[in-house]
Amino acid sequence: MQRPFATWGEFAEFVVFLAISIAGVFGASWVWVVIGAMTLFLLGFSRWRDTIAKAGSLDVDYRELGRLAFAARLFGIGFDRYARSHNLPLVLAAKFGVDTLFLTGAFLLARVAAWLWGLDAELFSLEQH
């Protein structure tokens, strides 16, 4: 029999997805989407490690070339190289952005499902009515 998840990391990612969906049903704060995205980022880091390392090494190379260009008083080339040395933040933002978008969809879908089922966020509050 084949296992539904190849690794425990994939199972943990699925649990994060379910947790954010449940948070959406119960009307939790939108902060949970960001918390879930950060958790997915950390859980999936092993798959993105090579890409992040390559982006970091490109940034180091471009900054070194920019420093050498400034030392040779080639300011235009130096600024150009420094401007290209932002690969790592772009890779991190892309990964985090995809995770956030995915979990926002799950959260909203769960909110809509709760609304369609007639579940109200006030129903789950601890205050006496």
C-alpha atoms as a PDB file:
ATOM      1  CA  MET A   1       0.000   0.000   0.000  1.00  0.00           C
ATOM      2  CA  GLN A   2       1.313   3.427  -0.914  1.00  0.00           C
ATOM      3  CA  ARG A   3       1.620   6.067   1.781  1.00  0.00           C
ATOM      4  CA  PRO A   4      -0.383   9.269   1.204  1.00  0.00           C
ATOM      5  CA  PHE A   5       2.631  11.441   2.124  1.00  0.00           C
ATOM      6  CA  ALA A   6       6.197  10.671   1.071  1.00  0.00           C
ATOM      7  CA  THR A   7       7.758  12.448   4.062  1.00  0.00           C
ATOM      8  CA  TRP A   8       6.739  13.742   7.454  1.00  0.00           C
ATOM      9  CA  GLY A   9       7.434  17.246   6.151  1.00  0.00           C
ATOM     10  CA  GLU A  10       4.701  16.890   3.543  1.00  0.00           C
ATOM     11  CA  PHE A  11       2.340  15.649   6.239  1.00  0.00           C
ATOM     12  CA  ALA A  12       3.216  18.677   8.393  1.00  0.00           C
ATOM     13  CA  GLU A  13       2.522  21.007   5.442  1.00  0.00           C
ATOM     14  CA  PHE A  14      -0.887  19.385   5.047  1.00  0.00           C
ATOM     15  CA  VAL A  15      -1.557  19.876   8.772  1.00  0.00           C
ATOM     16  CA  VAL A  16      -0.693  23.587   8.411  1.00  0.00           C
ATOM     17  CA  PHE A  17      -3.168  23.838   5.524  1.00  0.00           C
ATOM     18  CA  LEU A  18      -5.872  22.172   7.637  1.00  0.00           C
ATOM     19  CA  ALA A  19      -5.092  24.376  10.631  1.00  0.00           C
ATOM     20  CA  ILE A  20      -5.474  27.558   8.571  1.00  0.00           C
ATOM     21  CA  SER A  21      -8.713  26.237   7.078  1.00  0.00           C
ATOM     22  CA  ILE A  22     -10.056  25.494  10.563  1.00  0.00           C
ATOM     23  CA  ALA A  23      -8.956  28.961  11.685  1.00  0.00           C
ATOM     24  CA  GLY A  24     -10.971  30.384   8.795  1.00  0.00           C
ATOM     25  CA  VAL A  25     -14.084  28.422   9.808  1.00  0.00           C
ATOM     26  CA  PHE A  26     -13.844  29.694  13.369  1.00  0.00           C
ATOM     27  CA  GLY A  27     -13.270  33.300  12.287  1.00  0.00           C
ATOM     28  CA  ALA A  28      -9.713  33.621  13.584  1.00  0.00           C
ATOM     29  CA  SER A  29      -7.478  36.581  12.891  1.00  0.00           C
ATOM     30  CA  TRP A  30      -5.813  37.097   9.519  1.00  0.00           C
ATOM     31  CA  VAL A  31      -2.481  36.917  11.320  1.00  0.00           C
ATOM     32  CA  TRP A  32      -2.840  33.135  11.236  1.00  0.00           C
ATOM     33  CA  VAL A  33      -2.383  33.229   7.459  1.00  0.00           C
ATOM     34  CA  VAL A  34       1.011  34.898   7.895  1.00  0.00           C
ATOM     35  CA  ILE A  35       1.963  32.515  10.704  1.00  0.00           C
ATOM     36  CA  GLY A  36       1.008  29.569   8.511  1.00  0.00           C
ATOM     37  CA  ALA A  37       2.974  30.970   5.564  1.00  0.00           C
ATOM     38  CA  MET A  38       6.070  31.332   7.726  1.00  0.00           C
ATOM     39  CA  THR A  39       5.598  27.761   8.932  1.00  0.00           C
ATOM     40  CA  LEU A  40       5.250  26.487   5.363  1.00  0.00           C
ATOM     41  CA  PHE A  41       8.360  28.439   4.421  1.00  0.00           C
ATOM     42  CA  LEU A  42      10.349  26.755   7.176  1.00  0.00           C
ATOM     43  CA  LEU A  43       8.932  23.309   6.424  1.00  0.00           C
ATOM     44  CA  GLY A  44       9.718  23.606   2.716  1.00  0.00           C
ATOM     45  CA  PHE A  45      13.152  25.148   3.191  1.00  0.00           C
ATOM     46  CA  SER A  46      14.960  21.899   2.380  1.00  0.00           C
ATOM     47  CA  ARG A  47      13.466  21.874  -1.119  1.00  0.00           C
ATOM     48  CA  TRP A  48      14.411  25.526  -1.726  1.00  0.00           C
ATOM     49  CA  ARG A  49      17.870  25.390  -0.106  1.00  0.00           C
ATOM     50  CA  ASP A  50      19.800  25.134  -3.403  1.00  0.00           C
ATOM     51  CA  THR A  51      17.908  27.986  -5.045  1.00  0.00           C
ATOM     52  CA  ILE A  52      18.373  30.220  -2.007  1.00  0.00           C
ATOM     53  CA  ALA A  53      22.095  29.383  -1.861  1.00  0.00           C
ATOM     54  CA  LYS A  54      22.536  30.195  -5.576  1.00  0.00           C
ATOM     55  CA  ALA A  55      20.724  33.516  -5.158  1.00  0.00           C
ATOM     56  CA  GLY A  56      22.904  34.354  -2.159  1.00  0.00           C
ATOM     57  CA  SER A  57      26.116  33.551  -4.038  1.00  0.00           C
ATOM     58  CA  LEU A  58      24.978  35.695  -6.987  1.00  0.00           C
ATOM     59  CA  ASP A  59      24.356  38.581  -4.605  1.00  0.00           C
ATOM     60  CA  VAL A  60      27.833  38.213  -3.123  1.00  0.00           C
ATOM     61  CA  ASP A  61      29.409  38.127  -6.596  1.00  0.00           C
ATOM     62  CA  TYR A  62      27.536  41.210  -7.791  1.00  0.00           C
ATOM     63  CA  ARG A  63      28.385  43.150  -4.629  1.00  0.00           C
ATOM     64  CA  GLU A  64      32.063  42.244  -5.021  1.00  0.00           C
ATOM     65  CA  LEU A  65      32.003  43.376  -8.655  1.00  0.00           C
ATOM     66  CA  GLY A  66      30.295  46.589  -7.593  1.00  0.00           C
ATOM     67  CA  ARG A  67      32.934  47.202  -4.927  1.00  0.00           C
ATOM     68  CA  LEU A  68      35.710  46.662  -7.471  1.00  0.00           C
ATOM     69  CA  ALA A  69      34.001  49.015  -9.937  1.00  0.00           C
ATOM     70  CA  PHE A  70      33.700  51.723  -7.276  1.00  0.00           C
ATOM     71  CA  ALA A  71      37.364  51.246  -6.380  1.00  0.00           C
ATOM     72  CA  ALA A  72      38.258  51.794 -10.069  1.00  0.00           C
ATOM     73  CA  ARG A  73      36.001  54.903 -10.090  1.00  0.00           C
ATOM     74  CA  LEU A  74      33.544  53.316 -12.542  1.00  0.00           C
ATOM     75  CA  PHE A  75      30.484  54.565 -10.706  1.00  0.00           C
ATOM     76  CA  GLY A  76      27.911  53.698 -13.377  1.00  0.00           C
ATOM     77  CA  ILE A  77      29.012  50.088 -13.531  1.00  0.00           C
ATOM     78  CA  GLY A  78      29.287  49.940  -9.746  1.00  0.00           C
ATOM     79  CA  PHE A  79      25.710  51.139  -9.246  1.00  0.00           C
ATOM     80  CA  ASP A  80      24.521  48.697 -11.911  1.00  0.00           C
ATOM     81  CA  ARG A  81      26.173  45.773 -10.129  1.00  0.00           C
ATOM     82  CA  TYR A  82      24.817  46.818  -6.752  1.00  0.00           C
ATOM     83  CA  ALA A  83      21.340  47.132  -8.267  1.00  0.00           C
ATOM     84  CA  ARG A  84      21.576  43.543  -9.517  1.00  0.00           C
ATOM     85  CA  SER A  85      22.595  42.205  -6.121  1.00  0.00           C
ATOM     86  CA  HIS A  86      19.074  41.680  -4.815  1.00  0.00           C
ATOM     87  CA  ASN A  87      18.369  38.130  -5.954  1.00  0.00           C
ATOM     88  CA  LEU A  88      18.095  36.597  -2.510  1.00  0.00           C
ATOM     89  CA  PRO A  89      15.265  38.857  -1.267  1.00  0.00           C
ATOM     90  CA  LEU A  90      13.371  38.237  -4.505  1.00  0.00           C
ATOM     91  CA  VAL A  91      13.626  34.458  -4.138  1.00  0.00           C
ATOM     92  CA  LEU A  92      12.558  34.613  -0.490  1.00  0.00           C
ATOM     93  CA  ALA A  93       9.674  36.965  -1.294  1.00  0.00           C
ATOM     94  CA  ALA A  94       8.505  34.727  -4.131  1.00  0.00           C
ATOM     95  CA  LYS A  95       8.459  31.621  -1.924  1.00  0.00           C
ATOM     96  CA  PHE A  96       6.803  33.412   0.990  1.00  0.00           C
ATOM     97  CA  GLY A  97       4.341  35.147  -1.354  1.00  0.00           C
ATOM     98  CA  VAL A  98       3.196  31.888  -2.928  1.00  0.00           C
ATOM     99  CA  ASP A  99       2.706  30.321   0.507  1.00  0.00           C
ATOM    100  CA  THR A 100       0.756  33.365   1.708  1.00  0.00           C
ATOM    101  CA  LEU A 101      -1.435  33.407  -1.391  1.00  0.00           C
ATOM    102  CA  PHE A 102      -2.149  29.675  -1.073  1.00  0.00           C
ATOM    103  CA  LEU A 103      -3.101  29.941   2.599  1.00  0.00           C
ATOM    104  CA  THR A 104      -5.164  33.088   2.015  1.00  0.00           C
ATOM    105  CA  GLY A 105      -7.229  31.120  -0.487  1.00  0.00           C
ATOM    106  CA  ALA A 106      -7.704  28.296   2.019  1.00  0.00           C
ATOM    107  CA  PHE A 107      -8.643  30.775   4.755  1.00  0.00           C
ATOM    108  CA  LEU A 108     -11.171  32.593   2.549  1.00  0.00           C
ATOM    109  CA  LEU A 109     -12.656  29.359   1.248  1.00  0.00           C
ATOM    110  CA  ALA A 110     -13.142  28.193   4.831  1.00  0.00           C
ATOM    111  CA  ARG A 111     -14.747  31.542   5.770  1.00  0.00           C
ATOM    112  CA  VAL A 112     -17.161  31.241   2.836  1.00  0.00           C
ATOM    113  CA  ALA A 113     -17.948  27.631   3.747  1.00  0.00           C
ATOM    114  CA  ALA A 114     -18.646  28.651   7.342  1.00  0.00           C
ATOM    115  CA  TRP A 115     -20.914  31.450   6.127  1.00  0.00           C
ATOM    116  CA  LEU A 116     -22.773  29.079   3.798  1.00  0.00           C
ATOM    117  CA  TRP A 117     -23.240  26.538   6.595  1.00  0.00           C
ATOM    118  CA  GLY A 118     -24.624  29.265   8.817  1.00  0.00           C
ATOM    119  CA  LEU A 119     -21.761  29.223  11.292  1.00  0.00           C
ATOM    120  CA  ASP A 120     -21.258  32.613  12.844  1.00  0.00           C
ATOM    121  CA  ALA A 121     -18.039  33.743  14.530  1.00  0.00           C
ATOM    122  CA  GLU A 122     -20.116  34.993  17.481  1.00  0.00           C
ATOM    123  CA  LEU A 123     -21.361  31.446  17.994  1.00  0.00           C
ATOM    124  CA  PHE A 124     -17.847  30.395  18.977  1.00  0.00           C
ATOM    125  CA  SER A 125     -17.065  33.322  21.281  1.00  0.00           C
ATOM    126  CA  LEU A 126     -16.730  32.777  25.027  1.00  0.00           C
ATOM    127  CA  GLU A 127     -18.823  35.776  25.977  1.00  0.00           C
ATOM    128  CA  GLN A 128     -22.350  35.288  27.349  1.00  0.00           C
ATOM    129  CA  HIS A 129     -25.089  36.731  25.181  1.00  0.00           C
END
